[in-house]
N, C-alpha and C. Protein backbone atom coordinates (compact mmCIF):
# COMPACT_ATOMS: atom_id res chain seq x y z
N MET A 1 23.99 25.96 -10.97
CA MET A 1 22.64 26.69 -10.06
C MET A 1 21.35 26.14 -10.51
N LYS A 2 21.08 26.14 -12.00
CA LYS A 2 19.86 25.78 -12.51
C LYS A 2 19.41 24.42 -12.04
N PHE A 3 20.48 23.39 -11.87
CA PHE A 3 20.39 21.89 -11.62
C PHE A 3 19.77 22.08 -10.25
N GLU A 4 20.44 22.86 -9.43
CA GLU A 4 19.99 22.85 -7.69
C GLU A 4 18.66 23.33 -7.72
N ARG A 5 18.28 24.45 -8.41
CA ARG A 5 17.13 24.91 -8.44
C ARG A 5 16.03 23.86 -8.87
N TRP A 6 16.31 23.13 -9.67
CA TRP A 6 15.30 22.03 -10.24
C TRP A 6 15.27 21.15 -9.15
N LEU A 7 16.25 20.62 -8.54
CA LEU A 7 15.99 19.75 -7.55
C LEU A 7 15.60 20.20 -6.11
N ILE A 8 15.71 21.49 -5.83
CA ILE A 8 15.04 22.07 -4.78
C ILE A 8 13.48 22.39 -5.07
N TYR A 9 13.21 22.93 -6.09
CA TYR A 9 11.82 23.49 -6.20
C TYR A 9 10.89 22.24 -7.08
N THR A 10 11.60 21.82 -8.02
CA THR A 10 10.61 20.83 -8.48
C THR A 10 10.44 19.58 -7.75
N VAL A 11 11.66 18.77 -7.59
CA VAL A 11 11.52 17.75 -6.80
C VAL A 11 10.62 17.88 -5.56
N THR A 12 11.04 18.85 -4.95
CA THR A 12 10.55 18.88 -3.61
C THR A 12 8.89 19.29 -3.77
N VAL A 13 8.67 20.01 -4.81
CA VAL A 13 7.18 20.29 -4.85
C VAL A 13 6.36 19.03 -5.33
N ALA A 14 7.08 18.12 -6.22
CA ALA A 14 6.51 16.72 -6.62
C ALA A 14 6.39 16.05 -5.80
N ALA A 15 7.22 16.02 -4.65
CA ALA A 15 7.13 14.98 -3.45
C ALA A 15 6.41 15.36 -2.37
N LEU A 16 5.45 16.69 -2.44
CA LEU A 16 4.95 17.28 -1.21
C LEU A 16 3.83 16.51 -0.93
N PRO A 17 2.62 15.83 -1.88
CA PRO A 17 1.64 15.29 -1.38
C PRO A 17 2.17 13.95 -0.71
N PHE A 18 3.51 13.26 -1.00
CA PHE A 18 3.81 11.91 -0.52
C PHE A 18 4.07 12.46 0.83
N LEU A 19 5.02 13.59 1.01
CA LEU A 19 5.72 14.00 2.43
C LEU A 19 4.30 14.57 3.28
N ILE A 20 3.45 14.99 2.90
CA ILE A 20 2.22 15.62 3.60
C ILE A 20 1.39 14.15 4.38
N ARG A 21 1.31 13.08 3.32
CA ARG A 21 0.65 12.11 3.89
C ARG A 21 1.64 11.33 5.00
N LEU A 22 2.80 11.38 4.61
CA LEU A 22 3.56 10.72 5.75
C LEU A 22 3.49 11.46 6.93
N ILE A 23 3.54 12.94 6.99
CA ILE A 23 3.23 13.37 8.17
C ILE A 23 2.16 13.29 8.79
N CYS A 24 1.04 13.27 8.07
CA CYS A 24 -0.42 12.91 8.61
C CYS A 24 -0.46 11.62 9.13
N PHE A 25 0.20 10.75 8.54
CA PHE A 25 0.32 9.29 9.14
C PHE A 25 0.87 9.41 10.42
N TRP A 26 2.19 9.97 10.56
CA TRP A 26 2.84 10.02 11.87
C TRP A 26 1.99 10.63 12.97
N LEU A 27 1.17 11.91 12.58
CA LEU A 27 0.40 12.73 13.70
C LEU A 27 -0.74 11.88 14.11
N LEU A 28 -1.43 11.15 13.25
CA LEU A 28 -2.69 10.40 13.70
C LEU A 28 -2.32 9.36 14.61
N ASN A 29 -2.93 9.24 15.72
CA ASN A 29 -3.01 8.19 16.64
C ASN A 29 -3.30 6.64 15.68
N ASN A 30 -4.24 6.54 15.45
CA ASN A 30 -4.92 5.48 14.74
C ASN A 30 -5.29 5.58 13.35
N PRO A 31 -4.37 5.77 12.23
CA PRO A 31 -4.69 6.08 10.88
C PRO A 31 -5.24 5.12 10.37
N ILE A 32 -6.22 5.20 9.50
CA ILE A 32 -6.46 4.13 8.37
C ILE A 32 -6.01 4.52 7.07
N GLY A 33 -5.50 3.29 6.81
CA GLY A 33 -4.97 3.42 5.18
C GLY A 33 -3.32 3.22 5.38
N PHE A 34 -2.85 3.75 4.49
CA PHE A 34 -1.47 3.28 4.25
C PHE A 34 -0.55 4.87 4.26
N ALA A 35 0.50 4.68 4.82
CA ALA A 35 1.83 5.82 4.94
C ALA A 35 1.93 6.39 3.55
N VAL A 36 2.03 5.49 2.46
CA VAL A 36 2.34 5.59 0.96
C VAL A 36 1.32 5.42 0.17
N SER A 37 0.77 6.35 -0.74
CA SER A 37 -0.27 6.05 -1.87
C SER A 37 0.30 6.11 -3.23
N PRO A 38 -0.13 4.84 -3.85
CA PRO A 38 0.19 4.95 -5.17
C PRO A 38 -0.06 6.41 -5.90
N ILE A 39 -1.14 6.98 -5.59
CA ILE A 39 -1.76 8.30 -6.26
C ILE A 39 -0.52 9.36 -6.17
N ASP A 40 0.08 9.14 -4.93
CA ASP A 40 1.06 10.46 -4.67
C ASP A 40 2.16 10.10 -5.35
N ILE A 41 2.82 8.83 -5.57
CA ILE A 41 3.86 8.41 -6.29
C ILE A 41 3.66 8.79 -7.73
N VAL A 42 2.56 8.36 -8.47
CA VAL A 42 2.35 8.85 -9.82
C VAL A 42 2.13 10.35 -9.94
N PHE A 43 1.65 10.95 -9.18
CA PHE A 43 1.87 12.64 -9.08
C PHE A 43 3.25 12.87 -9.14
N PHE A 44 3.89 12.28 -8.48
CA PHE A 44 5.35 12.86 -8.26
C PHE A 44 6.02 12.69 -9.84
N GLY A 45 5.88 11.49 -10.41
CA GLY A 45 6.10 11.18 -11.87
C GLY A 45 5.68 12.21 -12.99
N LEU A 46 4.43 12.56 -12.73
CA LEU A 46 3.86 13.55 -13.66
C LEU A 46 4.30 14.66 -13.43
N THR A 47 4.56 15.39 -12.20
CA THR A 47 5.12 16.83 -12.09
C THR A 47 6.57 16.51 -12.86
N LEU A 48 7.28 15.93 -12.60
CA LEU A 48 8.87 15.77 -13.16
C LEU A 48 8.66 15.78 -14.78
N ASN A 49 7.69 14.97 -15.34
CA ASN A 49 7.55 15.10 -16.88
C ASN A 49 6.99 16.50 -17.19
N ILE A 50 6.10 16.75 -16.68
CA ILE A 50 5.55 18.49 -17.02
C ILE A 50 6.40 19.06 -16.74
N SER A 51 7.63 19.06 -15.93
CA SER A 51 8.76 20.11 -15.60
C SER A 51 9.65 20.09 -16.86
N ASN A 52 9.76 18.77 -17.44
CA ASN A 52 10.81 18.60 -18.45
C ASN A 52 9.99 19.16 -19.46
N ILE A 53 8.89 19.34 -19.86
CA ILE A 53 8.30 19.91 -21.04
C ILE A 53 8.27 21.34 -21.13
N ASN A 54 8.21 21.91 -19.55
CA ASN A 54 8.26 23.26 -19.48
C ASN A 54 9.73 23.72 -19.88
N GLU A 55 10.92 23.26 -19.23
CA GLU A 55 12.13 23.52 -19.58
C GLU A 55 12.28 23.19 -20.86
N LEU A 56 12.02 22.39 -21.76
CA LEU A 56 12.47 22.44 -22.99
C LEU A 56 11.95 23.26 -23.70
N ASN A 57 10.72 23.82 -23.47
CA ASN A 57 10.06 24.86 -24.31
C ASN A 57 10.45 26.08 -24.06
N GLY A 58 11.37 26.36 -23.09
CA GLY A 58 11.73 27.65 -22.59
C GLY A 58 13.39 27.75 -23.17
N LEU A 59 13.75 26.72 -23.91
CA LEU A 59 15.15 26.71 -24.49
C LEU A 59 15.03 27.36 -25.94
N LYS A 60 14.04 27.60 -26.51
CA LYS A 60 13.83 27.91 -27.99
C LYS A 60 14.83 28.71 -28.51
N ASN A 61 15.00 29.96 -28.06
CA ASN A 61 15.92 31.10 -28.45
C ASN A 61 17.28 31.03 -27.58
N ARG A 62 17.70 30.02 -26.83
CA ARG A 62 18.92 30.20 -26.07
C ARG A 62 20.15 29.99 -26.98
N LYS A 63 20.95 30.45 -26.63
CA LYS A 63 22.26 30.06 -27.51
C LYS A 63 23.14 28.92 -26.27
N THR A 64 23.93 27.91 -27.23
CA THR A 64 24.78 27.07 -26.25
C THR A 64 25.93 27.79 -25.63
N VAL A 65 26.47 27.48 -24.64
CA VAL A 65 27.61 27.83 -24.10
C VAL A 65 28.90 27.50 -24.45
N ASN A 66 28.77 26.24 -24.95
CA ASN A 66 30.00 25.42 -25.59
C ASN A 66 29.42 24.53 -26.46
N GLN A 67 30.61 23.93 -26.86
CA GLN A 67 30.51 22.68 -28.20
C GLN A 67 29.71 21.52 -27.91
N VAL A 68 29.21 21.41 -26.67
CA VAL A 68 28.36 19.95 -26.51
C VAL A 68 26.84 20.31 -27.29
N THR A 69 26.69 19.21 -27.95
CA THR A 69 25.55 19.20 -28.62
C THR A 69 24.39 19.28 -27.75
N PRO A 70 23.24 20.12 -28.51
CA PRO A 70 22.17 20.40 -27.76
C PRO A 70 21.38 19.11 -27.70
N PRO A 71 20.42 18.80 -26.35
CA PRO A 71 19.76 17.64 -26.48
C PRO A 71 18.80 17.65 -27.52
N ASN A 72 18.56 16.60 -27.80
CA ASN A 72 17.49 16.28 -29.01
C ASN A 72 16.17 16.57 -28.31
N LYS A 73 15.74 17.83 -28.67
CA LYS A 73 14.30 18.25 -27.88
C LYS A 73 13.16 17.42 -27.83
N ASP A 74 12.75 17.26 -29.47
CA ASP A 74 11.57 16.43 -30.07
C ASP A 74 11.72 15.14 -29.62
N ARG A 75 12.62 14.40 -29.30
CA ARG A 75 12.85 13.10 -28.72
C ARG A 75 12.54 13.21 -27.28
N ILE A 76 13.14 14.08 -26.15
CA ILE A 76 12.92 14.09 -25.08
C ILE A 76 11.35 14.40 -24.66
N LEU A 77 10.84 15.33 -25.59
CA LEU A 77 9.38 15.81 -25.49
C LEU A 77 8.63 14.55 -25.73
N GLY A 78 8.88 13.88 -26.86
CA GLY A 78 8.11 12.75 -27.08
C GLY A 78 8.25 11.54 -25.92
N LEU A 79 9.32 11.27 -25.49
CA LEU A 79 9.64 10.51 -24.24
C LEU A 79 8.59 10.95 -23.06
N SER A 80 8.75 12.11 -22.56
CA SER A 80 8.09 12.92 -21.44
C SER A 80 6.59 12.81 -21.74
N LEU A 81 6.17 12.72 -22.88
CA LEU A 81 4.68 12.89 -23.26
C LEU A 81 4.30 11.17 -23.07
N LEU A 82 5.14 10.50 -23.45
CA LEU A 82 4.81 9.08 -23.46
C LEU A 82 4.60 8.51 -21.91
N LEU A 83 5.78 8.98 -21.14
CA LEU A 83 5.44 8.85 -19.73
C LEU A 83 4.31 9.41 -19.14
N ILE A 84 3.88 10.61 -19.40
CA ILE A 84 2.92 11.37 -19.10
C ILE A 84 1.62 10.36 -19.28
N ILE A 85 1.58 9.86 -20.45
CA ILE A 85 0.31 9.00 -20.93
C ILE A 85 0.24 7.83 -20.08
N PHE A 86 1.47 7.25 -19.84
CA PHE A 86 1.44 5.87 -18.96
C PHE A 86 1.29 6.19 -17.59
N LEU A 87 1.78 7.19 -17.13
CA LEU A 87 1.33 7.69 -15.74
C LEU A 87 -0.02 7.75 -15.51
N THR A 88 -0.66 8.56 -16.27
CA THR A 88 -2.06 9.05 -16.39
C THR A 88 -2.92 7.82 -16.41
N ILE A 89 -2.57 6.71 -17.50
CA ILE A 89 -3.37 5.62 -17.40
C ILE A 89 -3.22 4.72 -16.11
N THR A 90 -2.04 4.71 -15.47
CA THR A 90 -1.93 4.01 -14.23
C THR A 90 -2.84 4.71 -12.98
N LEU A 91 -2.78 6.16 -13.33
CA LEU A 91 -3.70 7.03 -12.19
C LEU A 91 -5.09 6.62 -12.41
N GLY A 92 -5.56 6.58 -13.69
CA GLY A 92 -6.90 6.25 -13.83
C GLY A 92 -7.37 4.81 -13.35
N ILE A 93 -6.32 3.85 -13.69
CA ILE A 93 -6.45 2.41 -13.00
C ILE A 93 -6.67 2.39 -11.66
N ILE A 94 -5.81 3.14 -10.92
CA ILE A 94 -5.73 3.19 -9.28
C ILE A 94 -7.12 3.73 -9.22
N TYR A 95 -7.51 5.15 -9.58
CA TYR A 95 -8.71 5.66 -9.03
C TYR A 95 -9.76 4.73 -9.23
N CYS A 96 -9.87 4.06 -10.47
CA CYS A 96 -11.17 3.00 -10.72
C CYS A 96 -11.17 1.91 -9.72
N SER A 97 -9.78 1.50 -9.36
CA SER A 97 -9.66 0.45 -8.15
C SER A 97 -10.30 0.65 -7.11
N GLU A 98 -10.04 1.98 -6.55
CA GLU A 98 -10.24 2.62 -5.26
C GLU A 98 -11.74 2.86 -5.28
N LEU A 99 -12.37 3.30 -6.34
CA LEU A 99 -13.80 3.66 -6.35
C LEU A 99 -14.75 2.53 -6.65
N SER A 100 -14.24 1.37 -7.10
CA SER A 100 -15.26 0.23 -7.22
C SER A 100 -15.24 -0.46 -5.99
N ALA A 101 -16.31 -1.22 -6.08
CA ALA A 101 -16.97 -2.06 -4.76
C ALA A 101 -15.93 -3.26 -4.69
N THR A 102 -15.51 -3.88 -5.92
CA THR A 102 -14.96 -4.97 -6.02
C THR A 102 -13.18 -4.55 -6.22
N LYS A 103 -12.46 -5.34 -5.50
CA LYS A 103 -10.98 -4.82 -5.79
C LYS A 103 -10.30 -5.81 -6.70
N SER A 104 -10.56 -5.47 -7.94
CA SER A 104 -10.06 -6.16 -9.13
C SER A 104 -8.48 -6.10 -9.48
N ILE A 105 -8.03 -5.06 -8.93
CA ILE A 105 -6.55 -4.80 -9.12
C ILE A 105 -5.89 -4.89 -7.88
N SER A 106 -4.94 -5.53 -7.98
CA SER A 106 -3.77 -5.65 -6.72
C SER A 106 -3.06 -4.40 -6.27
N LEU A 107 -3.34 -4.05 -5.07
CA LEU A 107 -2.73 -2.92 -4.49
C LEU A 107 -1.15 -3.19 -4.63
N THR A 108 -0.72 -4.30 -4.54
CA THR A 108 0.75 -4.71 -4.64
C THR A 108 1.18 -4.22 -6.06
N SER A 109 0.31 -4.35 -7.02
CA SER A 109 0.91 -4.07 -8.72
C SER A 109 0.79 -2.76 -8.97
N THR A 110 -0.30 -2.02 -8.08
CA THR A 110 -0.39 -0.57 -8.46
C THR A 110 0.84 0.08 -7.89
N TYR A 111 1.30 -0.11 -6.70
CA TYR A 111 2.49 0.05 -6.10
C TYR A 111 3.94 -0.03 -6.89
N ILE A 112 4.02 -1.06 -7.46
CA ILE A 112 5.14 -1.58 -7.83
C ILE A 112 5.27 -0.84 -9.35
N CYS A 113 3.93 -0.85 -10.12
CA CYS A 113 3.81 -0.01 -11.33
C CYS A 113 4.25 1.46 -10.99
N SER A 114 3.41 2.15 -9.90
CA SER A 114 3.73 3.41 -9.71
C SER A 114 5.23 3.73 -9.48
N ILE A 115 5.80 3.06 -8.79
CA ILE A 115 7.26 3.27 -8.17
C ILE A 115 8.03 2.85 -9.28
N LEU A 116 7.79 2.41 -10.13
CA LEU A 116 9.04 1.99 -11.32
C LEU A 116 8.73 3.13 -12.47
N MET A 117 7.49 3.48 -12.55
CA MET A 117 7.61 4.50 -13.70
C MET A 117 7.91 5.92 -13.10
N SER A 118 7.55 6.28 -11.76
CA SER A 118 7.96 7.40 -11.09
C SER A 118 9.56 7.35 -10.85
N SER A 119 10.09 6.27 -10.72
CA SER A 119 11.73 6.23 -10.76
C SER A 119 12.08 6.48 -11.98
N ALA A 120 11.66 5.90 -13.10
CA ALA A 120 12.16 6.13 -14.49
C ALA A 120 11.86 7.59 -14.77
N SER A 121 10.80 8.29 -14.16
CA SER A 121 10.66 9.59 -14.52
C SER A 121 11.72 10.64 -13.75
N LEU A 122 12.11 10.13 -12.54
CA LEU A 122 13.29 10.68 -11.80
C LEU A 122 14.67 10.93 -12.52
N VAL A 123 14.91 9.44 -12.98
CA VAL A 123 16.04 9.50 -13.70
C VAL A 123 16.12 10.25 -15.14
N PHE A 124 15.00 9.91 -15.41
CA PHE A 124 14.94 10.72 -17.04
C PHE A 124 15.06 12.10 -16.77
N SER A 125 14.23 12.84 -15.82
CA SER A 125 14.40 14.21 -15.54
C SER A 125 15.75 14.64 -15.17
N TRP A 126 16.46 13.75 -14.37
CA TRP A 126 17.57 14.16 -13.76
C TRP A 126 18.79 14.08 -14.98
N ASN A 127 18.46 13.38 -15.89
CA ASN A 127 19.60 13.17 -17.03
C ASN A 127 19.08 14.61 -18.16
N VAL A 128 17.91 14.87 -18.33
CA VAL A 128 17.39 16.07 -18.96
C VAL A 128 18.19 17.04 -18.43
N MET A 129 17.84 17.53 -17.23
CA MET A 129 18.36 18.52 -16.38
C MET A 129 20.15 18.83 -16.64
N LEU A 130 20.66 17.47 -16.45
CA LEU A 130 22.11 17.55 -16.41
C LEU A 130 22.45 18.02 -18.11
N LYS A 131 21.74 17.41 -18.96
CA LYS A 131 22.03 17.62 -20.67
C LYS A 131 21.73 19.38 -20.65
N ILE A 132 20.89 19.99 -20.15
CA ILE A 132 20.54 21.30 -20.37
C ILE A 132 21.65 22.23 -19.80
N GLN A 133 21.89 21.84 -18.46
CA GLN A 133 22.90 22.50 -17.82
C GLN A 133 24.17 22.31 -18.59
N ARG A 134 24.71 21.30 -19.02
CA ARG A 134 26.07 21.20 -19.56
C ARG A 134 25.83 21.99 -20.94
N CYS A 135 24.69 21.95 -21.82
CA CYS A 135 24.92 22.53 -23.10
C CYS A 135 24.52 23.98 -22.90
N TYR A 136 23.60 24.58 -22.14
CA TYR A 136 23.48 25.78 -21.77
C TYR A 136 23.86 26.66 -21.03
N GLY A 137 24.48 25.95 -19.96
CA GLY A 137 25.19 26.80 -18.82
C GLY A 137 24.25 26.51 -17.50
N ASN A 138 24.73 27.41 -16.46
CA ASN A 138 24.00 27.15 -15.35
C ASN A 138 22.77 28.20 -15.13
N ASN A 139 22.38 28.84 -16.21
CA ASN A 139 21.71 30.12 -15.72
C ASN A 139 20.03 29.54 -15.82
């Protein structure tokens, strides 16, 4: 049940900016800009990594339900923080690129970078939630 709640609440909420932009793009007759923004993709990855940190901090006093080794919380927290740092740097670069008069950074490279890091965040968060569910049960 915990995994399903994570999938419904966290992943859906993380994807809301992306989904809202797509809906607005389809509703407007002559939209200016793109249907998908690298900023929305970066926020998706940031939300997933912040939920990892929140879940792991909530496991402090819980007992394991079986003999599965608990996930190494410090390593997972460190990787989540590292991904947050990289995603935040990417977000800053995208903001600077959008706000500057000269386009010094390729839009394609920002899309590729944000998609790769957010995909890595999704796979990483998926694995973290599966490990937590396996070790601590479905509550």
